[in-house]
Amino acid sequence: MEKELKITPPEGYEIDTEKSTLEHIVFKKSDKERAKTYEEIVKEAAPRVYVTSMGDIVDEDDSVVITINQINTEAQAKKLIALAQLFVIMDYYNDGWVPNWEDINATKYIMFYINSDKEVSITERYTHTFSPIAFKSVFVAKRALKNNKEIFEAFYKD
């Protein structure tokens, strides 16, 4: 006769599938209550550095860190803005996790654009191949993509 045990996480928590084993269950704060879109993320955790209309990179104390204000084309400028937004999204959804590009056995989930399918897709990488945007799990990557599809397409498409 088989016995079964159902575990219900406490309110506001979920099982951390990356850190849990069959013998040891670890809970983490649930992402269900967290912001989802880029706009919601920025409202919740305002970035500490921004770029002025003159191209100055300014920190939270309004001190100019770097000045750069030139890019070759409007298309490149739009991709650059989308990339900046994707960094905010990636940091938020990864919740402190940073990909280890030195370890070929460390799993990372990256995005790419498939022209024939006309959509952004997710792939798993174990290699040294670098990608500016990487997520800690396919679940997190899918949720980030679902909630911010236009931003991903702005960066990866064309």
C-alpha atoms as a PDB file:
ATOM      1  CA  MET A   1       0.000   0.000   0.000  1.00  0.00           C
ATOM      2  CA  GLU A   2       1.380   3.389  -1.015  1.00  0.00           C
ATOM      3  CA  LYS A   3       1.240   6.372   1.287  1.00  0.00           C
ATOM      4  CA  GLU A   4       1.003   9.895   0.019  1.00  0.00           C
ATOM      5  CA  LEU A   5       1.916  13.208   1.641  1.00  0.00           C
ATOM      6  CA  LYS A   6       0.583  16.510   0.337  1.00  0.00           C
ATOM      7  CA  ILE A   7       2.485  19.647   1.375  1.00  0.00           C
ATOM      8  CA  THR A   8       0.717  23.000   1.373  1.00  0.00           C
ATOM      9  CA  PRO A   9       3.097  25.969   1.654  1.00  0.00           C
ATOM     10  CA  PRO A  10       2.292  28.719   4.143  1.00  0.00           C
ATOM     11  CA  GLU A  11       0.404  31.781   2.841  1.00  0.00           C
ATOM     12  CA  GLY A  12       2.635  33.879   0.563  1.00  0.00           C
ATOM     13  CA  TYR A  13       5.167  31.073   0.032  1.00  0.00           C
ATOM     14  CA  GLU A  14       5.816  28.315  -2.492  1.00  0.00           C
ATOM     15  CA  ILE A  15       8.117  25.309  -2.652  1.00  0.00           C
ATOM     16  CA  ASP A  16      11.570  26.222  -3.925  1.00  0.00           C
ATOM     17  CA  THR A  17      12.031  23.456  -6.498  1.00  0.00           C
ATOM     18  CA  GLU A  18      15.688  24.347  -7.043  1.00  0.00           C
ATOM     19  CA  LYS A  19      16.698  23.983  -3.376  1.00  0.00           C
ATOM     20  CA  SER A  20      14.264  21.277  -2.252  1.00  0.00           C
ATOM     21  CA  THR A  21      14.856  17.518  -2.241  1.00  0.00           C
ATOM     22  CA  LEU A  22      12.507  14.630  -1.474  1.00  0.00           C
ATOM     23  CA  GLU A  23      13.805  14.621   2.088  1.00  0.00           C
ATOM     24  CA  HIS A  24      14.122  18.393   2.630  1.00  0.00           C
ATOM     25  CA  ILE A  25      11.489  20.922   1.494  1.00  0.00           C
ATOM     26  CA  VAL A  26      12.508  24.590   1.236  1.00  0.00           C
ATOM     27  CA  PHE A  27       9.955  27.394   0.915  1.00  0.00           C
ATOM     28  CA  LYS A  28      10.502  30.741  -0.767  1.00  0.00           C
ATOM     29  CA  LYS A  29       8.325  33.831  -1.043  1.00  0.00           C
ATOM     30  CA  SER A  30       5.759  33.366  -3.775  1.00  0.00           C
ATOM     31  CA  ASP A  31       6.124  35.311  -7.001  1.00  0.00           C
ATOM     32  CA  LYS A  32       2.346  35.267  -7.437  1.00  0.00           C
ATOM     33  CA  GLU A  33       1.923  38.455  -5.428  1.00  0.00           C
ATOM     34  CA  ARG A  34       4.872  40.219  -7.028  1.00  0.00           C
ATOM     35  CA  ALA A  35       4.708  42.730  -9.871  1.00  0.00           C
ATOM     36  CA  LYS A  36       4.783  41.318 -13.361  1.00  0.00           C
ATOM     37  CA  THR A  37       5.189  43.952 -16.055  1.00  0.00           C
ATOM     38  CA  TYR A  38       8.141  46.290 -16.497  1.00  0.00           C
ATOM     39  CA  GLU A  39       5.998  49.234 -15.375  1.00  0.00           C
ATOM     40  CA  GLU A  40       4.932  47.401 -12.180  1.00  0.00           C
ATOM     41  CA  ILE A  41       8.515  46.348 -11.435  1.00  0.00           C
ATOM     42  CA  VAL A  42       9.787  49.928 -11.735  1.00  0.00           C
ATOM     43  CA  LYS A  43       6.992  51.189  -9.458  1.00  0.00           C
ATOM     44  CA  GLU A  44       7.811  48.531  -6.861  1.00  0.00           C
ATOM     45  CA  ALA A  45      11.600  48.735  -6.973  1.00  0.00           C
ATOM     46  CA  ALA A  46      12.620  52.001  -8.567  1.00  0.00           C
ATOM     47  CA  PRO A  47      15.994  51.766 -10.343  1.00  0.00           C
ATOM     48  CA  ARG A  48      18.819  53.625  -8.624  1.00  0.00           C
ATOM     49  CA  VAL A  49      20.508  54.817 -11.828  1.00  0.00           C
ATOM     50  CA  TYR A  50      18.938  56.503 -14.833  1.00  0.00           C
ATOM     51  CA  VAL A  51      19.901  58.091 -18.158  1.00  0.00           C
ATOM     52  CA  THR A  52      19.008  61.741 -18.734  1.00  0.00           C
ATOM     53  CA  SER A  53      17.760  63.166 -22.022  1.00  0.00           C
ATOM     54  CA  MET A  54      21.315  64.394 -22.602  1.00  0.00           C
ATOM     55  CA  GLY A  55      22.683  60.865 -22.266  1.00  0.00           C
ATOM     56  CA  ASP A  56      24.207  61.280 -18.814  1.00  0.00           C
ATOM     57  CA  ILE A  57      24.090  58.218 -16.578  1.00  0.00           C
ATOM     58  CA  VAL A  58      23.122  59.543 -13.147  1.00  0.00           C
ATOM     59  CA  ASP A  59      23.078  57.752  -9.785  1.00  0.00           C
ATOM     60  CA  GLU A  60      20.530  58.169  -6.983  1.00  0.00           C
ATOM     61  CA  ASP A  61      22.425  61.180  -5.580  1.00  0.00           C
ATOM     62  CA  ASP A  62      22.140  62.963  -8.960  1.00  0.00           C
ATOM     63  CA  SER A  63      25.871  62.583  -9.524  1.00  0.00           C
ATOM     64  CA  VAL A  64      26.870  62.138 -13.159  1.00  0.00           C
ATOM     65  CA  VAL A  65      28.614  58.784 -13.507  1.00  0.00           C
ATOM     66  CA  ILE A  66      29.140  58.542 -17.284  1.00  0.00           C
ATOM     67  CA  THR A  67      28.180  60.749 -20.209  1.00  0.00           C
ATOM     68  CA  ILE A  68      27.300  59.104 -23.503  1.00  0.00           C
ATOM     69  CA  ASN A  69      24.697  60.430 -25.889  1.00  0.00           C
ATOM     70  CA  GLN A  70      25.247  59.040 -29.345  1.00  0.00           C
ATOM     71  CA  ILE A  71      24.026  55.940 -31.172  1.00  0.00           C
ATOM     72  CA  ASN A  72      24.022  55.282 -34.905  1.00  0.00           C
ATOM     73  CA  THR A  73      20.362  54.586 -35.753  1.00  0.00           C
ATOM     74  CA  GLU A  74      16.874  54.887 -34.296  1.00  0.00           C
ATOM     75  CA  ALA A  75      16.490  51.091 -34.515  1.00  0.00           C
ATOM     76  CA  GLN A  76      19.643  50.627 -32.413  1.00  0.00           C
ATOM     77  CA  ALA A  77      18.372  53.204 -29.896  1.00  0.00           C
ATOM     78  CA  LYS A  78      15.076  51.314 -29.537  1.00  0.00           C
ATOM     79  CA  LYS A  79      16.939  48.035 -28.993  1.00  0.00           C
ATOM     80  CA  LEU A  80      19.154  49.715 -26.406  1.00  0.00           C
ATOM     81  CA  ILE A  81      16.100  50.962 -24.499  1.00  0.00           C
ATOM     82  CA  ALA A  82      14.538  47.481 -24.674  1.00  0.00           C
ATOM     83  CA  LEU A  83      17.779  45.916 -23.406  1.00  0.00           C
ATOM     84  CA  ALA A  84      17.848  48.302 -20.439  1.00  0.00           C
ATOM     85  CA  GLN A  85      14.252  47.329 -19.653  1.00  0.00           C
ATOM     86  CA  LEU A  86      15.132  43.623 -19.979  1.00  0.00           C
ATOM     87  CA  PHE A  87      17.952  44.010 -17.445  1.00  0.00           C
ATOM     88  CA  VAL A  88      15.429  45.395 -14.936  1.00  0.00           C
ATOM     89  CA  ILE A  89      12.989  42.559 -15.715  1.00  0.00           C
ATOM     90  CA  MET A  90      15.749  39.910 -15.511  1.00  0.00           C
ATOM     91  CA  ASP A  91      17.059  41.177 -12.169  1.00  0.00           C
ATOM     92  CA  TYR A  92      13.546  41.284 -10.740  1.00  0.00           C
ATOM     93  CA  TYR A  93      12.438  37.834 -11.873  1.00  0.00           C
ATOM     94  CA  ASN A  94      15.758  36.145 -11.003  1.00  0.00           C
ATOM     95  CA  ASP A  95      15.485  37.502  -7.446  1.00  0.00           C
ATOM     96  CA  GLY A  96      19.247  37.740  -6.868  1.00  0.00           C
ATOM     97  CA  TRP A  97      20.288  34.749  -9.013  1.00  0.00           C
ATOM     98  CA  VAL A  98      23.158  35.512 -11.421  1.00  0.00           C
ATOM     99  CA  PRO A  99      24.148  33.106 -14.230  1.00  0.00           C
ATOM    100  CA  ASN A 100      27.545  31.472 -13.874  1.00  0.00           C
ATOM    101  CA  TRP A 101      28.968  31.609 -17.414  1.00  0.00           C
ATOM    102  CA  GLU A 102      32.234  30.004 -16.259  1.00  0.00           C
ATOM    103  CA  ASP A 103      30.493  26.731 -15.277  1.00  0.00           C
ATOM    104  CA  ILE A 104      29.417  24.734 -18.335  1.00  0.00           C
ATOM    105  CA  ASN A 105      27.270  22.515 -16.093  1.00  0.00           C
ATOM    106  CA  ALA A 106      25.268  25.422 -14.646  1.00  0.00           C
ATOM    107  CA  THR A 107      21.869  25.688 -16.314  1.00  0.00           C
ATOM    108  CA  LYS A 108      20.755  29.032 -17.704  1.00  0.00           C
ATOM    109  CA  TYR A 109      17.638  29.821 -19.710  1.00  0.00           C
ATOM    110  CA  ILE A 110      18.099  32.359 -22.488  1.00  0.00           C
ATOM    111  CA  MET A 111      15.863  33.907 -25.140  1.00  0.00           C
ATOM    112  CA  PHE A 112      16.251  33.989 -28.889  1.00  0.00           C
ATOM    113  CA  TYR A 113      14.085  34.954 -31.845  1.00  0.00           C
ATOM    114  CA  ILE A 114      12.965  32.342 -34.383  1.00  0.00           C
ATOM    115  CA  ASN A 115      12.266  34.049 -37.722  1.00  0.00           C
ATOM    116  CA  SER A 116      10.260  31.144 -39.126  1.00  0.00           C
ATOM    117  CA  ASP A 117       7.962  31.088 -36.063  1.00  0.00           C
ATOM    118  CA  LYS A 118       7.968  34.897 -35.699  1.00  0.00           C
ATOM    119  CA  GLU A 119       8.334  34.657 -31.927  1.00  0.00           C
ATOM    120  CA  VAL A 120      10.766  34.844 -29.037  1.00  0.00           C
ATOM    121  CA  SER A 121      11.604  31.413 -27.634  1.00  0.00           C
ATOM    122  CA  ILE A 122      13.427  30.061 -24.589  1.00  0.00           C
ATOM    123  CA  THR A 123      16.322  27.625 -24.658  1.00  0.00           C
ATOM    124  CA  GLU A 124      18.401  25.936 -21.981  1.00  0.00           C
ATOM    125  CA  ARG A 125      22.181  26.540 -22.069  1.00  0.00           C
ATOM    126  CA  TYR A 126      24.993  24.728 -20.282  1.00  0.00           C
ATOM    127  CA  THR A 127      27.793  26.256 -22.303  1.00  0.00           C
ATOM    128  CA  HIS A 128      30.112  29.236 -22.022  1.00  0.00           C
ATOM    129  CA  THR A 129      27.964  31.003 -24.640  1.00  0.00           C
ATOM    130  CA  PHE A 130      27.068  34.368 -23.174  1.00  0.00           C
ATOM    131  CA  SER A 131      23.667  35.985 -23.474  1.00  0.00           C
ATOM    132  CA  PRO A 132      22.895  39.361 -21.911  1.00  0.00           C
ATOM    133  CA  ILE A 133      19.508  38.099 -20.679  1.00  0.00           C
ATOM    134  CA  ALA A 134      19.356  34.790 -18.781  1.00  0.00           C
ATOM    135  CA  PHE A 135      16.913  33.334 -16.279  1.00  0.00           C
ATOM    136  CA  LYS A 136      17.279  30.839 -13.423  1.00  0.00           C
ATOM    137  CA  SER A 137      14.473  28.516 -14.575  1.00  0.00           C
ATOM    138  CA  VAL A 138      12.253  27.903 -17.564  1.00  0.00           C
ATOM    139  CA  PHE A 139       9.250  28.758 -15.369  1.00  0.00           C
ATOM    140  CA  VAL A 140      10.681  32.184 -14.502  1.00  0.00           C
ATOM    141  CA  ALA A 141      11.716  32.804 -18.133  1.00  0.00           C
ATOM    142  CA  LYS A 142       8.238  31.927 -19.433  1.00  0.00           C
ATOM    143  CA  ARG A 143       6.546  34.182 -16.896  1.00  0.00           C
ATOM    144  CA  ALA A 144       8.867  37.107 -17.674  1.00  0.00           C
ATOM    145  CA  LEU A 145       8.287  36.609 -21.415  1.00  0.00           C
ATOM    146  CA  LYS A 146       4.511  36.270 -21.031  1.00  0.00           C
ATOM    147  CA  ASN A 147       4.207  39.447 -18.976  1.00  0.00           C
ATOM    148  CA  ASN A 148       6.643  41.544 -21.059  1.00  0.00           C
ATOM    149  CA  LYS A 149       6.409  40.102 -24.565  1.00  0.00           C
ATOM    150  CA  GLU A 150       6.557  43.451 -26.398  1.00  0.00           C
ATOM    151  CA  ILE A 151       9.809  44.403 -24.684  1.00  0.00           C
ATOM    152  CA  PHE A 152      11.414  41.022 -25.495  1.00  0.00           C
ATOM    153  CA  GLU A 153      10.305  41.344 -29.127  1.00  0.00           C
ATOM    154  CA  ALA A 154      11.625  44.914 -29.336  1.00  0.00           C
ATOM    155  CA  PHE A 155      15.080  43.626 -28.406  1.00  0.00           C
ATOM    156  CA  TYR A 156      15.238  40.221 -30.141  1.00  0.00           C
ATOM    157  CA  LYS A 157      13.160  40.779 -33.277  1.00  0.00           C
ATOM    158  CA  ASP A 158      14.797  42.061 -36.517  1.00  0.00           C
END
